[in-house]
Amino acid sequence: VELDTACRADGGALEALVRQLDFFGAAPPCGVGADIPRWEITVEDGAQRKTVTLLDDGSLGATGWPALLEHLRSAS
């Protein structure tokens, strides 16, 4: 699913989540397990582009990544 925040009413909220996470500077915790659901998220902002993989194994805790994942799930 591709989301252009400039074309969405909730675009500002999504951009705020990305900023709060320091998406381009931070990395989510890594997990292990072939049977764990994975989410690949790519964010482009001008010349910056980064892809992270989130494992939905409960290890994300209160890191802020679950809020981004939930927002993306509800937007798709």
PDB file of N, CA and C in Angstrom:
ATOM      1  N   VAL A   1       0.846  -1.170   0.000  1.00  0.00           N
ATOM      2  CA  VAL A   1       0.000   0.000   0.000  1.00  0.00           C
ATOM      3  C   VAL A   1       0.891   1.231   0.000  1.00  0.00           C
ATOM      4  N   GLU A   2       0.599   2.161  -0.856  1.00  0.00           N
ATOM      5  CA  GLU A   2       1.347   3.418  -0.895  1.00  0.00           C
ATOM      6  C   GLU A   2       0.442   4.537  -0.397  1.00  0.00           C
ATOM      7  N   LEU A   3       0.953   5.342   0.526  1.00  0.00           N
ATOM      8  CA  LEU A   3       0.187   6.455   1.076  1.00  0.00           C
ATOM      9  C   LEU A   3       0.945   7.748   0.838  1.00  0.00           C
ATOM     10  N   ASP A   4       0.312   8.694   0.182  1.00  0.00           N
ATOM     11  CA  ASP A   4       0.898  10.021  -0.018  1.00  0.00           C
ATOM     12  C   ASP A   4       0.270  10.942   1.016  1.00  0.00           C
ATOM     13  N   THR A   5       1.057  11.368   1.987  1.00  0.00           N
ATOM     14  CA  THR A   5       0.505  12.167   3.081  1.00  0.00           C
ATOM     15  C   THR A   5      -0.024  13.513   2.611  1.00  0.00           C
ATOM     16  N   ALA A   6       0.452  13.999   1.473  1.00  0.00           N
ATOM     17  CA  ALA A   6      -0.031  15.279   0.953  1.00  0.00           C
ATOM     18  C   ALA A   6      -1.462  15.170   0.431  1.00  0.00           C
ATOM     19  N   CYS A   7      -1.906  13.947   0.156  1.00  0.00           N
ATOM     20  CA  CYS A   7      -3.238  13.734  -0.422  1.00  0.00           C
ATOM     21  C   CYS A   7      -4.238  13.156   0.573  1.00  0.00           C
ATOM     22  N   ARG A   8      -3.876  13.115   1.847  1.00  0.00           N
ATOM     23  CA  ARG A   8      -4.739  12.489   2.843  1.00  0.00           C
ATOM     24  C   ARG A   8      -5.091  13.466   3.955  1.00  0.00           C
ATOM     25  N   ALA A   9      -6.298  13.361   4.446  1.00  0.00           N
ATOM     26  CA  ALA A   9      -6.724  14.214   5.559  1.00  0.00           C
ATOM     27  C   ALA A   9      -5.911  13.923   6.820  1.00  0.00           C
ATOM     28  N   ASP A  10      -5.489  12.674   6.993  1.00  0.00           N
ATOM     29  CA  ASP A  10      -4.704  12.294   8.171  1.00  0.00           C
ATOM     30  C   ASP A  10      -3.198  12.346   7.904  1.00  0.00           C
ATOM     31  N   GLY A  11      -2.796  12.961   6.803  1.00  0.00           N
ATOM     32  CA  GLY A  11      -1.382  13.024   6.430  1.00  0.00           C
ATOM     33  C   GLY A  11      -0.512  13.692   7.472  1.00  0.00           C
ATOM     34  N   GLY A  12      -0.994  14.760   8.063  1.00  0.00           N
ATOM     35  CA  GLY A  12      -0.222  15.459   9.094  1.00  0.00           C
ATOM     36  C   GLY A  12       0.022  14.588  10.311  1.00  0.00           C
ATOM     37  N   ALA A  13      -0.982  13.805  10.698  1.00  0.00           N
ATOM     38  CA  ALA A  13      -0.830  12.910  11.851  1.00  0.00           C
ATOM     39  C   ALA A  13       0.195  11.817  11.555  1.00  0.00           C
ATOM     40  N   LEU A  14       0.169  11.296  10.347  1.00  0.00           N
ATOM     41  CA  LEU A  14       1.132  10.267   9.963  1.00  0.00           C
ATOM     42  C   LEU A  14       2.549  10.834   9.926  1.00  0.00           C
ATOM     43  N   GLU A  15       2.701  12.027   9.383  1.00  0.00           N
ATOM     44  CA  GLU A  15       4.017  12.680   9.361  1.00  0.00           C
ATOM     45  C   GLU A  15       4.519  12.950  10.778  1.00  0.00           C
ATOM     46  N   ALA A  16       3.612  13.311  11.680  1.00  0.00           N
ATOM     47  CA  ALA A  16       3.999  13.557  13.075  1.00  0.00           C
ATOM     48  C   ALA A  16       4.506  12.272  13.734  1.00  0.00           C
ATOM     49  N   LEU A  17       3.854  11.142  13.466  1.00  0.00           N
ATOM     50  CA  LEU A  17       4.318   9.864  14.012  1.00  0.00           C
ATOM     51  C   LEU A  17       5.727   9.533  13.511  1.00  0.00           C
ATOM     52  N   VAL A  18       5.966   9.776  12.228  1.00  0.00           N
ATOM     53  CA  VAL A  18       7.286   9.505  11.642  1.00  0.00           C
ATOM     54  C   VAL A  18       8.346  10.387  12.301  1.00  0.00           C
ATOM     55  N   ARG A  19       8.014  11.656  12.537  1.00  0.00           N
ATOM     56  CA  ARG A  19       8.967  12.569  13.205  1.00  0.00           C
ATOM     57  C   ARG A  19       9.219  12.147  14.647  1.00  0.00           C
ATOM     58  N   GLN A  20       8.166  11.775  15.376  1.00  0.00           N
ATOM     59  CA  GLN A  20       8.309  11.358  16.778  1.00  0.00           C
ATOM     60  C   GLN A  20       9.215  10.142  16.908  1.00  0.00           C
ATOM     61  N   LEU A  21       9.160   9.261  15.938  1.00  0.00           N
ATOM     62  CA  LEU A  21      10.000   8.064  15.960  1.00  0.00           C
ATOM     63  C   LEU A  21      11.434   8.351  15.539  1.00  0.00           C
ATOM     64  N   ASP A  22      11.686   9.535  14.984  1.00  0.00           N
ATOM     65  CA  ASP A  22      12.978   9.814  14.355  1.00  0.00           C
ATOM     66  C   ASP A  22      13.261   8.698  13.353  1.00  0.00           C
ATOM     67  N   PHE A  23      12.290   8.476  12.468  1.00  0.00           N
ATOM     68  CA  PHE A  23      12.297   7.349  11.538  1.00  0.00           C
ATOM     69  C   PHE A  23      13.619   7.204  10.798  1.00  0.00           C
ATOM     70  N   PHE A  24      14.190   8.315  10.356  1.00  0.00           N
ATOM     71  CA  PHE A  24      15.411   8.241   9.557  1.00  0.00           C
ATOM     72  C   PHE A  24      16.657   8.014  10.408  1.00  0.00           C
ATOM     73  N   GLY A  25      16.566   8.201  11.720  1.00  0.00           N
ATOM     74  CA  GLY A  25      17.720   8.012  12.587  1.00  0.00           C
ATOM     75  C   GLY A  25      17.626   6.803  13.494  1.00  0.00           C
ATOM     76  N   ALA A  26      16.415   6.323  13.727  1.00  0.00           N
ATOM     77  CA  ALA A  26      16.206   5.228  14.677  1.00  0.00           C
ATOM     78  C   ALA A  26      16.015   3.907  13.946  1.00  0.00           C
ATOM     79  N   ALA A  27      16.097   2.843  14.700  1.00  0.00           N
ATOM     80  CA  ALA A  27      15.828   1.507  14.165  1.00  0.00           C
ATOM     81  C   ALA A  27      14.960   0.758  15.163  1.00  0.00           C
ATOM     82  N   PRO A  28      13.937   0.071  14.667  1.00  0.00           N
ATOM     83  CA  PRO A  28      13.110  -0.713  15.580  1.00  0.00           C
ATOM     84  C   PRO A  28      13.899  -1.901  16.108  1.00  0.00           C
ATOM     85  N   PRO A  29      13.480  -2.447  17.257  1.00  0.00           N
ATOM     86  CA  PRO A  29      14.158  -3.630  17.771  1.00  0.00           C
ATOM     87  C   PRO A  29      14.036  -4.786  16.781  1.00  0.00           C
ATOM     88  N   CYS A  30      15.050  -5.606  16.711  1.00  0.00           N
ATOM     89  CA  CYS A  30      15.044  -6.751  15.797  1.00  0.00           C
ATOM     90  C   CYS A  30      14.560  -7.989  16.533  1.00  0.00           C
ATOM     91  N   GLY A  31      13.784  -8.778  15.850  1.00  0.00           N
ATOM     92  CA  GLY A  31      13.316 -10.038  16.403  1.00  0.00           C
ATOM     93  C   GLY A  31      13.701 -11.174  15.477  1.00  0.00           C
ATOM     94  N   VAL A  32      13.448 -12.374  15.922  1.00  0.00           N
ATOM     95  CA  VAL A  32      13.784 -13.553  15.136  1.00  0.00           C
ATOM     96  C   VAL A  32      12.576 -14.469  15.108  1.00  0.00           C
ATOM     97  N   GLY A  33      12.321 -15.060  13.964  1.00  0.00           N
ATOM     98  CA  GLY A  33      11.234 -16.021  13.849  1.00  0.00           C
ATOM     99  C   GLY A  33      10.588 -15.971  12.484  1.00  0.00           C
ATOM    100  N   ALA A  34      10.639 -17.079  11.780  1.00  0.00           N
ATOM    101  CA  ALA A  34      10.097 -17.134  10.426  1.00  0.00           C
ATOM    102  C   ALA A  34       8.576 -17.078  10.405  1.00  0.00           C
ATOM    103  N   ASP A  35       7.933 -17.459  11.501  1.00  0.00           N
ATOM    104  CA  ASP A  35       6.476 -17.505  11.524  1.00  0.00           C
ATOM    105  C   ASP A  35       5.842 -16.249  12.123  1.00  0.00           C
ATOM    106  N   ILE A  36       6.632 -15.223  12.356  1.00  0.00           N
ATOM    107  CA  ILE A  36       6.133 -13.981  12.942  1.00  0.00           C
ATOM    108  C   ILE A  36       5.756 -13.012  11.822  1.00  0.00           C
ATOM    109  N   PRO A  37       4.551 -12.425  11.882  1.00  0.00           N
ATOM    110  CA  PRO A  37       4.174 -11.451  10.849  1.00  0.00           C
ATOM    111  C   PRO A  37       5.177 -10.297  10.782  1.00  0.00           C
ATOM    112  N   ARG A  38       5.498  -9.890   9.561  1.00  0.00           N
ATOM    113  CA  ARG A  38       6.457  -8.802   9.330  1.00  0.00           C
ATOM    114  C   ARG A  38       5.787  -7.689   8.539  1.00  0.00           C
ATOM    115  N   TRP A  39       6.237  -6.494   8.806  1.00  0.00           N
ATOM    116  CA  TRP A  39       5.748  -5.321   8.092  1.00  0.00           C
ATOM    117  C   TRP A  39       6.963  -4.556   7.589  1.00  0.00           C
ATOM    118  N   GLU A  40       7.010  -4.303   6.309  1.00  0.00           N
ATOM    119  CA  GLU A  40       8.090  -3.512   5.731  1.00  0.00           C
ATOM    120  C   GLU A  40       7.536  -2.122   5.440  1.00  0.00           C
ATOM    121  N   ILE A  41       8.159  -1.113   6.026  1.00  0.00           N
ATOM    122  CA  ILE A  41       7.687   0.265   5.891  1.00  0.00           C
ATOM    123  C   ILE A  41       8.798   1.095   5.271  1.00  0.00           C
ATOM    124  N   THR A  42       8.470   1.760   4.177  1.00  0.00           N
ATOM    125  CA  THR A  42       9.414   2.652   3.514  1.00  0.00           C
ATOM    126  C   THR A  42       8.863   4.062   3.588  1.00  0.00           C
ATOM    127  N   VAL A  43       9.690   4.995   4.026  1.00  0.00           N
ATOM    128  CA  VAL A  43       9.303   6.400   4.096  1.00  0.00           C
ATOM    129  C   VAL A  43      10.237   7.185   3.194  1.00  0.00           C
ATOM    130  N   GLU A  44       9.641   8.019   2.350  1.00  0.00           N
ATOM    131  CA  GLU A  44      10.400   8.927   1.493  1.00  0.00           C
ATOM    132  C   GLU A  44      10.051  10.350   1.885  1.00  0.00           C
ATOM    133  N   ASP A  45      11.070  11.156   2.072  1.00  0.00           N
ATOM    134  CA  ASP A  45      10.885  12.567   2.415  1.00  0.00           C
ATOM    135  C   ASP A  45      11.940  13.351   1.659  1.00  0.00           C
ATOM    136  N   GLY A  46      11.545  13.901   0.531  1.00  0.00           N
ATOM    137  CA  GLY A  46      12.517  14.595  -0.308  1.00  0.00           C
ATOM    138  C   GLY A  46      13.565  13.617  -0.793  1.00  0.00           C
ATOM    139  N   ALA A  47      14.822  13.907  -0.515  1.00  0.00           N
ATOM    140  CA  ALA A  47      15.923  13.044  -0.950  1.00  0.00           C
ATOM    141  C   ALA A  47      16.151  11.870  -0.001  1.00  0.00           C
ATOM    142  N   GLN A  48      15.506  11.870   1.158  1.00  0.00           N
ATOM    143  CA  GLN A  48      15.689  10.792   2.135  1.00  0.00           C
ATOM    144  C   GLN A  48      14.745   9.635   1.832  1.00  0.00           C
ATOM    145  N   ARG A  49      15.257   8.439   1.982  1.00  0.00           N
ATOM    146  CA  ARG A  49      14.434   7.236   1.826  1.00  0.00           C
ATOM    147  C   ARG A  49      15.003   6.172   2.761  1.00  0.00           C
ATOM    148  N   LYS A  50      14.117   5.551   3.544  1.00  0.00           N
ATOM    149  CA  LYS A  50      14.555   4.499   4.460  1.00  0.00           C
ATOM    150  C   LYS A  50      13.465   3.445   4.558  1.00  0.00           C
ATOM    151  N   THR A  51      13.890   2.199   4.636  1.00  0.00           N
ATOM    152  CA  THR A  51      12.980   1.078   4.823  1.00  0.00           C
ATOM    153  C   THR A  51      13.343   0.364   6.116  1.00  0.00           C
ATOM    154  N   VAL A  52      12.335   0.070   6.924  1.00  0.00           N
ATOM    155  CA  VAL A  52      12.529  -0.728   8.132  1.00  0.00           C
ATOM    156  C   VAL A  52      11.577  -1.916   8.083  1.00  0.00           C
ATOM    157  N   THR A  53      11.946  -2.966   8.775  1.00  0.00           N
ATOM    158  CA  THR A  53      11.091  -4.141   8.903  1.00  0.00           C
ATOM    159  C   THR A  53      10.702  -4.288  10.363  1.00  0.00           C
ATOM    160  N   LEU A  54       9.403  -4.333  10.606  1.00  0.00           N
ATOM    161  CA  LEU A  54       8.886  -4.511  11.967  1.00  0.00           C
ATOM    162  C   LEU A  54       8.359  -5.928  12.100  1.00  0.00           C
ATOM    163  N   LEU A  55       8.696  -6.570  13.197  1.00  0.00           N
ATOM    164  CA  LEU A  55       8.155  -7.888  13.497  1.00  0.00           C
ATOM    165  C   LEU A  55       7.041  -7.722  14.517  1.00  0.00           C
ATOM    166  N   ASP A  56       5.893  -8.275  14.205  1.00  0.00           N
ATOM    167  CA  ASP A  56       4.722  -8.156  15.072  1.00  0.00           C
ATOM    168  C   ASP A  56       4.749  -9.276  16.115  1.00  0.00           C
ATOM    169  N   ASP A  57       5.786  -9.230  16.976  1.00  0.00           N
ATOM    170  CA  ASP A  57       5.991 -10.291  17.965  1.00  0.00           C
ATOM    171  C   ASP A  57       5.818  -9.806  19.402  1.00  0.00           C
ATOM    172  N   GLY A  58       5.344  -8.587  19.577  1.00  0.00           N
ATOM    173  CA  GLY A  58       5.149  -8.037  20.910  1.00  0.00           C
ATOM    174  C   GLY A  58       6.367  -7.349  21.483  1.00  0.00           C
ATOM    175  N   SER A  59       7.497  -7.393  20.782  1.00  0.00           N
ATOM    176  CA  SER A  59       8.730  -6.806  21.312  1.00  0.00           C
ATOM    177  C   SER A  59       8.802  -5.295  21.126  1.00  0.00           C
ATOM    178  N   LEU A  60       7.883  -4.733  20.359  1.00  0.00           N
ATOM    179  CA  LEU A  60       7.930  -3.293  20.090  1.00  0.00           C
ATOM    180  C   LEU A  60       7.516  -2.481  21.303  1.00  0.00           C
ATOM    181  N   GLY A  61       6.696  -3.068  22.171  1.00  0.00           N
ATOM    182  CA  GLY A  61       6.320  -2.409  23.426  1.00  0.00           C
ATOM    183  C   GLY A  61       5.840  -0.987  23.240  1.00  0.00           C
ATOM    184  N   ALA A  62       6.343  -0.088  24.062  1.00  0.00           N
ATOM    185  CA  ALA A  62       5.922   1.315  24.061  1.00  0.00           C
ATOM    186  C   ALA A  62       6.916   2.184  23.305  1.00  0.00           C
ATOM    187  N   THR A  63       7.518   1.641  22.267  1.00  0.00           N
ATOM    188  CA  THR A  63       8.555   2.361  21.531  1.00  0.00           C
ATOM    189  C   THR A  63       8.018   3.403  20.565  1.00  0.00           C
ATOM    190  N   GLY A  64       6.733   3.402  20.292  1.00  0.00           N
ATOM    191  CA  GLY A  64       6.167   4.315  19.307  1.00  0.00           C
ATOM    192  C   GLY A  64       5.922   3.626  17.977  1.00  0.00           C
ATOM    193  N   TRP A  65       6.651   2.561  17.698  1.00  0.00           N
ATOM    194  CA  TRP A  65       6.453   1.835  16.442  1.00  0.00           C
ATOM    195  C   TRP A  65       5.054   1.233  16.343  1.00  0.00           C
ATOM    196  N   PRO A  66       4.464   0.687  17.434  1.00  0.00           N
ATOM    197  CA  PRO A  66       3.103   0.156  17.319  1.00  0.00           C
ATOM    198  C   PRO A  66       2.090   1.213  16.883  1.00  0.00           C
ATOM    199  N   ALA A  67       2.250   2.451  17.317  1.00  0.00           N
ATOM    200  CA  ALA A  67       1.319   3.515  16.917  1.00  0.00           C
ATOM    201  C   ALA A  67       1.411   3.765  15.417  1.00  0.00           C
ATOM    202  N   LEU A  68       2.625   3.767  14.877  1.00  0.00           N
ATOM    203  CA  LEU A  68       2.795   3.949  13.432  1.00  0.00           C
ATOM    204  C   LEU A  68       2.183   2.773  12.686  1.00  0.00           C
ATOM    205  N   LEU A  69       2.445   1.574  13.151  1.00  0.00           N
ATOM    206  CA  LEU A  69       1.905   0.385  12.504  1.00  0.00           C
ATOM    207  C   LEU A  69       0.382   0.392  12.526  1.00  0.00           C
ATOM    208  N   GLU A  70      -0.209   0.737  13.651  1.00  0.00           N
ATOM    209  CA  GLU A  70      -1.672   0.791  13.757  1.00  0.00           C
ATOM    210  C   GLU A  70      -2.249   1.850  12.825  1.00  0.00           C
ATOM    211  N   HIS A  71      -1.600   2.995  12.750  1.00  0.00           N
ATOM    212  CA  HIS A  71      -2.065   4.058  11.854  1.00  0.00           C
ATOM    213  C   HIS A  71      -2.029   3.582  10.404  1.00  0.00           C
ATOM    214  N   LEU A  72      -0.967   2.911  10.020  1.00  0.00           N
ATOM    215  CA  LEU A  72      -0.851   2.414   8.650  1.00  0.00           C
ATOM    216  C   LEU A  72      -1.879   1.329   8.365  1.00  0.00           C
ATOM    217  N   ARG A  73      -2.114   0.457   9.330  1.00  0.00           N
ATOM    218  CA  ARG A  73      -3.137  -0.586   9.147  1.00  0.00           C
ATOM    219  C   ARG A  73      -4.509   0.029   8.915  1.00  0.00           C
ATOM    220  N   SER A  74      -4.844   1.027   9.696  1.00  0.00           N
ATOM    221  CA  SER A  74      -6.174   1.632   9.577  1.00  0.00           C
ATOM    222  C   SER A  74      -6.309   2.478   8.317  1.00  0.00           C
ATOM    223  N   ALA A  75      -5.197   2.946   7.777  1.00  0.00           N
ATOM    224  CA  ALA A  75      -5.234   3.795   6.586  1.00  0.00           C
ATOM    225  C   ALA A  75      -5.288   2.991   5.297  1.00  0.00           C
ATOM    226  N   SER A  76      -4.932   1.720   5.369  1.00  0.00           N
ATOM    227  CA  SER A  76      -4.876   0.928   4.131  1.00  0.00           C
ATOM    228  C   SER A  76      -6.193   0.296   3.785  1.00  0.00           C
TER     229      SER A  76
END
